[in-house]
Amino acid sequence: MMSRIKELRKRNGWTQEYLGDLVHVQKATISKYEKGIVEPSTDVLKKMSALFNVSTDYLLGSDNVPIETIPQEEMTLLEGFRSLTVEGKNALLSVLNALNSAHSATA
């Protein structure tokens, strides 16, 4: 896992300090994650998963698929959708259907 955090951080061109700021931990803590001295909390794992657009399983080393195929923008929409009530989901789907119908009519 630790080498995966380092690999993903470097792939994004981020410093340990920058990643630490994003997940609200100290630079030294990121270093400890990468060296295998300390394991991230569940909350930090979830934040890193979203930032790197990978599964928590990938970060934990139990999944070898490095990158999700869903773009970050779509992941944000999915997370927002999942947080809605049933009524909110139905309302959003109605809006989406209306937008798709309007787009189809003009295409």
N, C-alpha and C. Protein backbone atom coordinates (compact mmCIF):
# COMPACT_ATOMS: atom_id res chain seq x y z
N MET A 1 0.83 -1.19 0.00
CA MET A 1 0.00 0.00 0.00
C MET A 1 0.87 1.25 0.00
N MET A 2 1.88 1.25 0.84
CA MET A 2 2.64 2.48 1.02
C MET A 2 3.29 2.93 -0.29
N SER A 3 3.84 1.98 -1.03
CA SER A 3 4.45 2.38 -2.30
C SER A 3 3.40 2.88 -3.29
N ARG A 4 2.17 2.40 -3.14
CA ARG A 4 1.11 2.87 -4.03
C ARG A 4 0.76 4.33 -3.74
N ILE A 5 0.73 4.70 -2.48
CA ILE A 5 0.46 6.09 -2.13
C ILE A 5 1.56 6.97 -2.72
N LYS A 6 2.79 6.57 -2.54
CA LYS A 6 3.92 7.35 -3.06
C LYS A 6 3.86 7.42 -4.58
N GLU A 7 3.59 6.28 -5.21
CA GLU A 7 3.50 6.25 -6.68
C GLU A 7 2.42 7.18 -7.19
N LEU A 8 1.24 7.11 -6.59
CA LEU A 8 0.13 7.96 -7.02
C LEU A 8 0.40 9.43 -6.74
N ARG A 9 1.01 9.70 -5.60
CA ARG A 9 1.35 11.08 -5.26
C ARG A 9 2.31 11.65 -6.29
N LYS A 10 3.34 10.89 -6.61
CA LYS A 10 4.33 11.36 -7.58
C LYS A 10 3.73 11.48 -8.97
N ARG A 11 2.86 10.55 -9.33
CA ARG A 11 2.20 10.59 -10.64
C ARG A 11 1.43 11.89 -10.81
N ASN A 12 0.86 12.38 -9.71
CA ASN A 12 0.11 13.63 -9.75
C ASN A 12 1.01 14.86 -9.59
N GLY A 13 2.29 14.64 -9.36
CA GLY A 13 3.22 15.75 -9.20
C GLY A 13 3.05 16.46 -7.86
N TRP A 14 2.57 15.75 -6.85
CA TRP A 14 2.30 16.35 -5.55
C TRP A 14 3.43 16.09 -4.58
N THR A 15 3.69 17.03 -3.73
CA THR A 15 4.64 16.83 -2.63
C THR A 15 3.91 16.13 -1.48
N GLN A 16 4.68 15.62 -0.54
CA GLN A 16 4.07 15.03 0.65
C GLN A 16 3.29 16.10 1.42
N GLU A 17 3.82 17.29 1.45
CA GLU A 17 3.15 18.38 2.14
C GLU A 17 1.80 18.70 1.50
N TYR A 18 1.77 18.75 0.16
CA TYR A 18 0.52 19.06 -0.54
C TYR A 18 -0.53 17.97 -0.29
N LEU A 19 -0.13 16.70 -0.41
CA LEU A 19 -1.06 15.61 -0.15
C LEU A 19 -1.54 15.66 1.30
N GLY A 20 -0.63 15.95 2.21
CA GLY A 20 -1.01 16.08 3.61
C GLY A 20 -2.06 17.16 3.81
N ASP A 21 -1.88 18.29 3.14
CA ASP A 21 -2.87 19.38 3.23
C ASP A 21 -4.23 18.91 2.70
N LEU A 22 -4.22 18.15 1.63
CA LEU A 22 -5.48 17.69 1.03
C LEU A 22 -6.24 16.72 1.92
N VAL A 23 -5.50 15.89 2.67
CA VAL A 23 -6.17 14.90 3.52
C VAL A 23 -6.10 15.27 5.00
N HIS A 24 -5.59 16.48 5.28
CA HIS A 24 -5.57 17.04 6.63
C HIS A 24 -4.68 16.28 7.61
N VAL A 25 -3.48 15.91 7.13
CA VAL A 25 -2.46 15.34 8.02
C VAL A 25 -1.14 16.04 7.73
N GLN A 26 -0.19 15.87 8.63
CA GLN A 26 1.13 16.49 8.48
C GLN A 26 1.94 15.79 7.38
N LYS A 27 2.89 16.52 6.82
CA LYS A 27 3.81 15.97 5.82
C LYS A 27 4.51 14.74 6.38
N ALA A 28 4.92 14.81 7.65
CA ALA A 28 5.61 13.68 8.29
C ALA A 28 4.72 12.44 8.33
N THR A 29 3.42 12.63 8.47
CA THR A 29 2.50 11.49 8.50
C THR A 29 2.43 10.83 7.13
N ILE A 30 2.42 11.64 6.08
CA ILE A 30 2.43 11.08 4.71
C ILE A 30 3.71 10.26 4.52
N SER A 31 4.82 10.78 4.98
CA SER A 31 6.09 10.06 4.89
C SER A 31 6.00 8.73 5.61
N LYS A 32 5.37 8.72 6.78
CA LYS A 32 5.22 7.47 7.55
C LYS A 32 4.31 6.49 6.83
N TYR A 33 3.27 6.99 6.16
CA TYR A 33 2.42 6.10 5.36
C TYR A 33 3.25 5.45 4.26
N GLU A 34 4.02 6.27 3.56
CA GLU A 34 4.78 5.78 2.41
C GLU A 34 5.89 4.81 2.82
N LYS A 35 6.41 4.95 4.02
CA LYS A 35 7.46 4.05 4.51
C LYS A 35 6.91 2.82 5.22
N GLY A 36 5.59 2.78 5.41
CA GLY A 36 4.98 1.63 6.06
C GLY A 36 5.09 1.65 7.57
N ILE A 37 5.41 2.79 8.14
CA ILE A 37 5.55 2.92 9.60
C ILE A 37 4.17 3.03 10.25
N VAL A 38 3.27 3.76 9.58
CA VAL A 38 1.91 4.00 10.07
C VAL A 38 0.94 3.73 8.94
N GLU A 39 -0.24 3.20 9.28
CA GLU A 39 -1.28 3.01 8.27
C GLU A 39 -2.30 4.14 8.38
N PRO A 40 -2.79 4.62 7.24
CA PRO A 40 -3.80 5.69 7.26
C PRO A 40 -5.09 5.23 7.92
N SER A 41 -5.79 6.16 8.53
CA SER A 41 -7.11 5.87 9.08
C SER A 41 -8.08 5.62 7.93
N THR A 42 -9.22 5.07 8.26
CA THR A 42 -10.25 4.83 7.25
C THR A 42 -10.64 6.13 6.57
N ASP A 43 -10.77 7.20 7.35
CA ASP A 43 -11.15 8.50 6.80
C ASP A 43 -10.10 8.99 5.79
N VAL A 44 -8.83 8.87 6.14
CA VAL A 44 -7.76 9.30 5.24
C VAL A 44 -7.72 8.41 4.00
N LEU A 45 -7.92 7.11 4.18
CA LEU A 45 -7.96 6.21 3.02
C LEU A 45 -9.06 6.61 2.04
N LYS A 46 -10.23 6.93 2.58
CA LYS A 46 -11.34 7.34 1.71
C LYS A 46 -11.01 8.62 0.97
N LYS A 47 -10.39 9.58 1.67
CA LYS A 47 -10.02 10.84 1.01
C LYS A 47 -8.99 10.59 -0.09
N MET A 48 -7.98 9.77 0.20
CA MET A 48 -6.96 9.47 -0.81
C MET A 48 -7.57 8.73 -1.99
N SER A 49 -8.47 7.82 -1.70
CA SER A 49 -9.14 7.08 -2.76
C SER A 49 -9.84 8.03 -3.73
N ALA A 50 -10.55 9.00 -3.18
CA ALA A 50 -11.26 9.98 -4.02
C ALA A 50 -10.28 10.87 -4.76
N LEU A 51 -9.23 11.33 -4.08
CA LEU A 51 -8.25 12.21 -4.71
C LEU A 51 -7.52 11.54 -5.86
N PHE A 52 -7.14 10.28 -5.64
CA PHE A 52 -6.36 9.56 -6.66
C PHE A 52 -7.25 8.83 -7.66
N ASN A 53 -8.57 8.82 -7.40
CA ASN A 53 -9.51 8.13 -8.28
C ASN A 53 -9.18 6.65 -8.39
N VAL A 54 -8.89 6.03 -7.24
CA VAL A 54 -8.64 4.60 -7.15
C VAL A 54 -9.50 4.05 -6.02
N SER A 55 -9.64 2.75 -5.97
CA SER A 55 -10.40 2.13 -4.89
C SER A 55 -9.55 2.08 -3.62
N THR A 56 -10.23 2.01 -2.49
CA THR A 56 -9.49 1.83 -1.24
C THR A 56 -8.80 0.47 -1.26
N ASP A 57 -9.40 -0.51 -1.92
CA ASP A 57 -8.76 -1.82 -2.05
C ASP A 57 -7.42 -1.71 -2.77
N TYR A 58 -7.36 -0.87 -3.78
CA TYR A 58 -6.09 -0.67 -4.47
C TYR A 58 -5.05 -0.07 -3.52
N LEU A 59 -5.46 0.94 -2.77
CA LEU A 59 -4.53 1.55 -1.82
C LEU A 59 -4.07 0.55 -0.77
N LEU A 60 -4.95 -0.36 -0.38
CA LEU A 60 -4.62 -1.37 0.63
C LEU A 60 -3.83 -2.55 0.05
N GLY A 61 -3.71 -2.60 -1.27
CA GLY A 61 -2.91 -3.65 -1.89
C GLY A 61 -3.68 -4.91 -2.24
N SER A 62 -5.00 -4.91 -2.04
CA SER A 62 -5.76 -6.12 -2.34
C SER A 62 -6.39 -6.10 -3.72
N ASP A 63 -6.18 -5.05 -4.47
CA ASP A 63 -6.70 -4.93 -5.83
C ASP A 63 -5.56 -4.43 -6.70
N ASN A 64 -5.37 -5.08 -7.84
CA ASN A 64 -4.26 -4.69 -8.71
C ASN A 64 -4.65 -3.76 -9.83
N VAL A 65 -5.91 -3.34 -9.87
CA VAL A 65 -6.36 -2.41 -10.90
C VAL A 65 -6.08 -1.01 -10.37
N PRO A 66 -5.12 -0.30 -10.96
CA PRO A 66 -4.68 0.96 -10.36
C PRO A 66 -5.63 2.13 -10.49
N ILE A 67 -6.23 2.32 -11.61
CA ILE A 67 -7.00 3.54 -11.83
C ILE A 67 -8.41 3.18 -12.29
N GLU A 68 -9.38 3.82 -11.68
CA GLU A 68 -10.76 3.66 -12.11
C GLU A 68 -10.91 4.30 -13.48
N THR A 69 -11.85 3.81 -14.24
CA THR A 69 -12.07 4.39 -15.56
C THR A 69 -13.07 5.53 -15.52
N ILE A 70 -13.65 5.77 -14.35
CA ILE A 70 -14.61 6.85 -14.22
C ILE A 70 -13.87 8.16 -13.93
N PRO A 71 -14.04 9.19 -14.74
CA PRO A 71 -13.37 10.47 -14.49
C PRO A 71 -13.81 11.08 -13.15
N GLN A 72 -12.95 11.89 -12.56
CA GLN A 72 -13.22 12.49 -11.25
C GLN A 72 -14.53 13.27 -11.24
N GLU A 73 -14.82 13.98 -12.31
CA GLU A 73 -16.06 14.76 -12.38
C GLU A 73 -17.28 13.84 -12.24
N GLU A 74 -17.23 12.68 -12.87
CA GLU A 74 -18.34 11.73 -12.78
C GLU A 74 -18.39 11.09 -11.39
N MET A 75 -17.22 10.85 -10.79
CA MET A 75 -17.19 10.31 -9.44
C MET A 75 -17.84 11.28 -8.45
N THR A 76 -17.60 12.57 -8.65
CA THR A 76 -18.21 13.59 -7.80
C THR A 76 -19.72 13.55 -7.93
N LEU A 77 -20.20 13.43 -9.15
CA LEU A 77 -21.64 13.33 -9.38
C LEU A 77 -22.22 12.07 -8.72
N LEU A 78 -21.52 10.96 -8.86
CA LEU A 78 -21.99 9.71 -8.28
C LEU A 78 -22.04 9.80 -6.76
N GLU A 79 -21.00 10.37 -6.15
CA GLU A 79 -20.99 10.53 -4.70
C GLU A 79 -22.12 11.43 -4.23
N GLY A 80 -22.38 12.51 -4.99
CA GLY A 80 -23.48 13.41 -4.66
C GLY A 80 -24.82 12.70 -4.78
N PHE A 81 -24.98 11.92 -5.84
CA PHE A 81 -26.22 11.18 -6.06
C PHE A 81 -26.46 10.19 -4.91
N ARG A 82 -25.41 9.49 -4.53
CA ARG A 82 -25.53 8.49 -3.46
C ARG A 82 -25.91 9.12 -2.12
N SER A 83 -25.57 10.38 -1.92
CA SER A 83 -25.86 11.03 -0.64
C SER A 83 -27.30 11.57 -0.56
N LEU A 84 -28.01 11.55 -1.68
CA LEU A 84 -29.38 12.07 -1.71
C LEU A 84 -30.38 11.10 -1.09
N THR A 85 -31.51 11.65 -0.68
CA THR A 85 -32.63 10.81 -0.26
C THR A 85 -33.24 10.16 -1.50
N VAL A 86 -34.14 9.23 -1.30
CA VAL A 86 -34.83 8.60 -2.43
C VAL A 86 -35.56 9.66 -3.25
N GLU A 87 -36.21 10.60 -2.55
CA GLU A 87 -36.93 11.67 -3.25
C GLU A 87 -35.97 12.54 -4.06
N GLY A 88 -34.84 12.85 -3.48
CA GLY A 88 -33.83 13.65 -4.18
C GLY A 88 -33.29 12.94 -5.40
N LYS A 89 -33.05 11.63 -5.27
CA LYS A 89 -32.57 10.85 -6.41
C LYS A 89 -33.61 10.85 -7.53
N ASN A 90 -34.87 10.67 -7.16
CA ASN A 90 -35.93 10.67 -8.18
C ASN A 90 -36.04 12.03 -8.86
N ALA A 91 -35.92 13.10 -8.10
CA ALA A 91 -35.98 14.45 -8.67
C ALA A 91 -34.82 14.68 -9.63
N LEU A 92 -33.64 14.26 -9.22
CA LEU A 92 -32.46 14.44 -10.07
C LEU A 92 -32.59 13.62 -11.35
N LEU A 93 -33.08 12.41 -11.24
CA LEU A 93 -33.27 11.58 -12.43
C LEU A 93 -34.30 12.20 -13.38
N SER A 94 -35.34 12.83 -12.82
CA SER A 94 -36.34 13.51 -13.66
C SER A 94 -35.70 14.67 -14.42
N VAL A 95 -34.86 15.44 -13.74
CA VAL A 95 -34.16 16.55 -14.40
C VAL A 95 -33.24 16.01 -15.49
N LEU A 96 -32.52 14.94 -15.19
CA LEU A 96 -31.62 14.34 -16.18
C LEU A 96 -32.39 13.85 -17.40
N ASN A 97 -33.50 13.20 -17.16
CA ASN A 97 -34.32 12.73 -18.28
C ASN A 97 -34.84 13.89 -19.12
N ALA A 98 -35.26 14.97 -18.47
CA ALA A 98 -35.74 16.16 -19.19
C ALA A 98 -34.62 16.77 -20.02
N LEU A 99 -33.41 16.86 -19.45
CA LEU A 99 -32.27 17.40 -20.19
C LEU A 99 -31.92 16.53 -21.39
N ASN A 100 -31.95 15.21 -21.20
CA ASN A 100 -31.66 14.30 -22.30
C ASN A 100 -32.72 14.40 -23.40
N SER A 101 -33.98 14.53 -23.01
CA SER A 101 -35.04 14.66 -23.99
C SER A 101 -34.90 15.96 -24.79
N ALA A 102 -34.59 17.05 -24.10
CA ALA A 102 -34.41 18.34 -24.77
C ALA A 102 -33.22 18.29 -25.71
N HIS A 103 -32.16 17.63 -25.30
CA HIS A 103 -30.96 17.53 -26.14
C HIS A 103 -31.26 16.67 -27.37
N SER A 104 -32.00 15.57 -27.19
CA SER A 104 -32.35 14.69 -28.30
C SER A 104 -33.24 15.41 -29.32
N ALA A 105 -34.10 16.27 -28.82
CA ALA A 105 -35.03 16.99 -29.70
C ALA A 105 -34.31 18.01 -30.56
N THR A 106 -33.20 18.57 -30.06
CA THR A 106 -32.45 19.57 -30.81
C THR A 106 -31.34 18.98 -31.65
N ALA A 107 -31.04 17.71 -31.44
CA ALA A 107 -29.92 17.08 -32.18
C ALA A 107 -30.34 16.61 -33.54
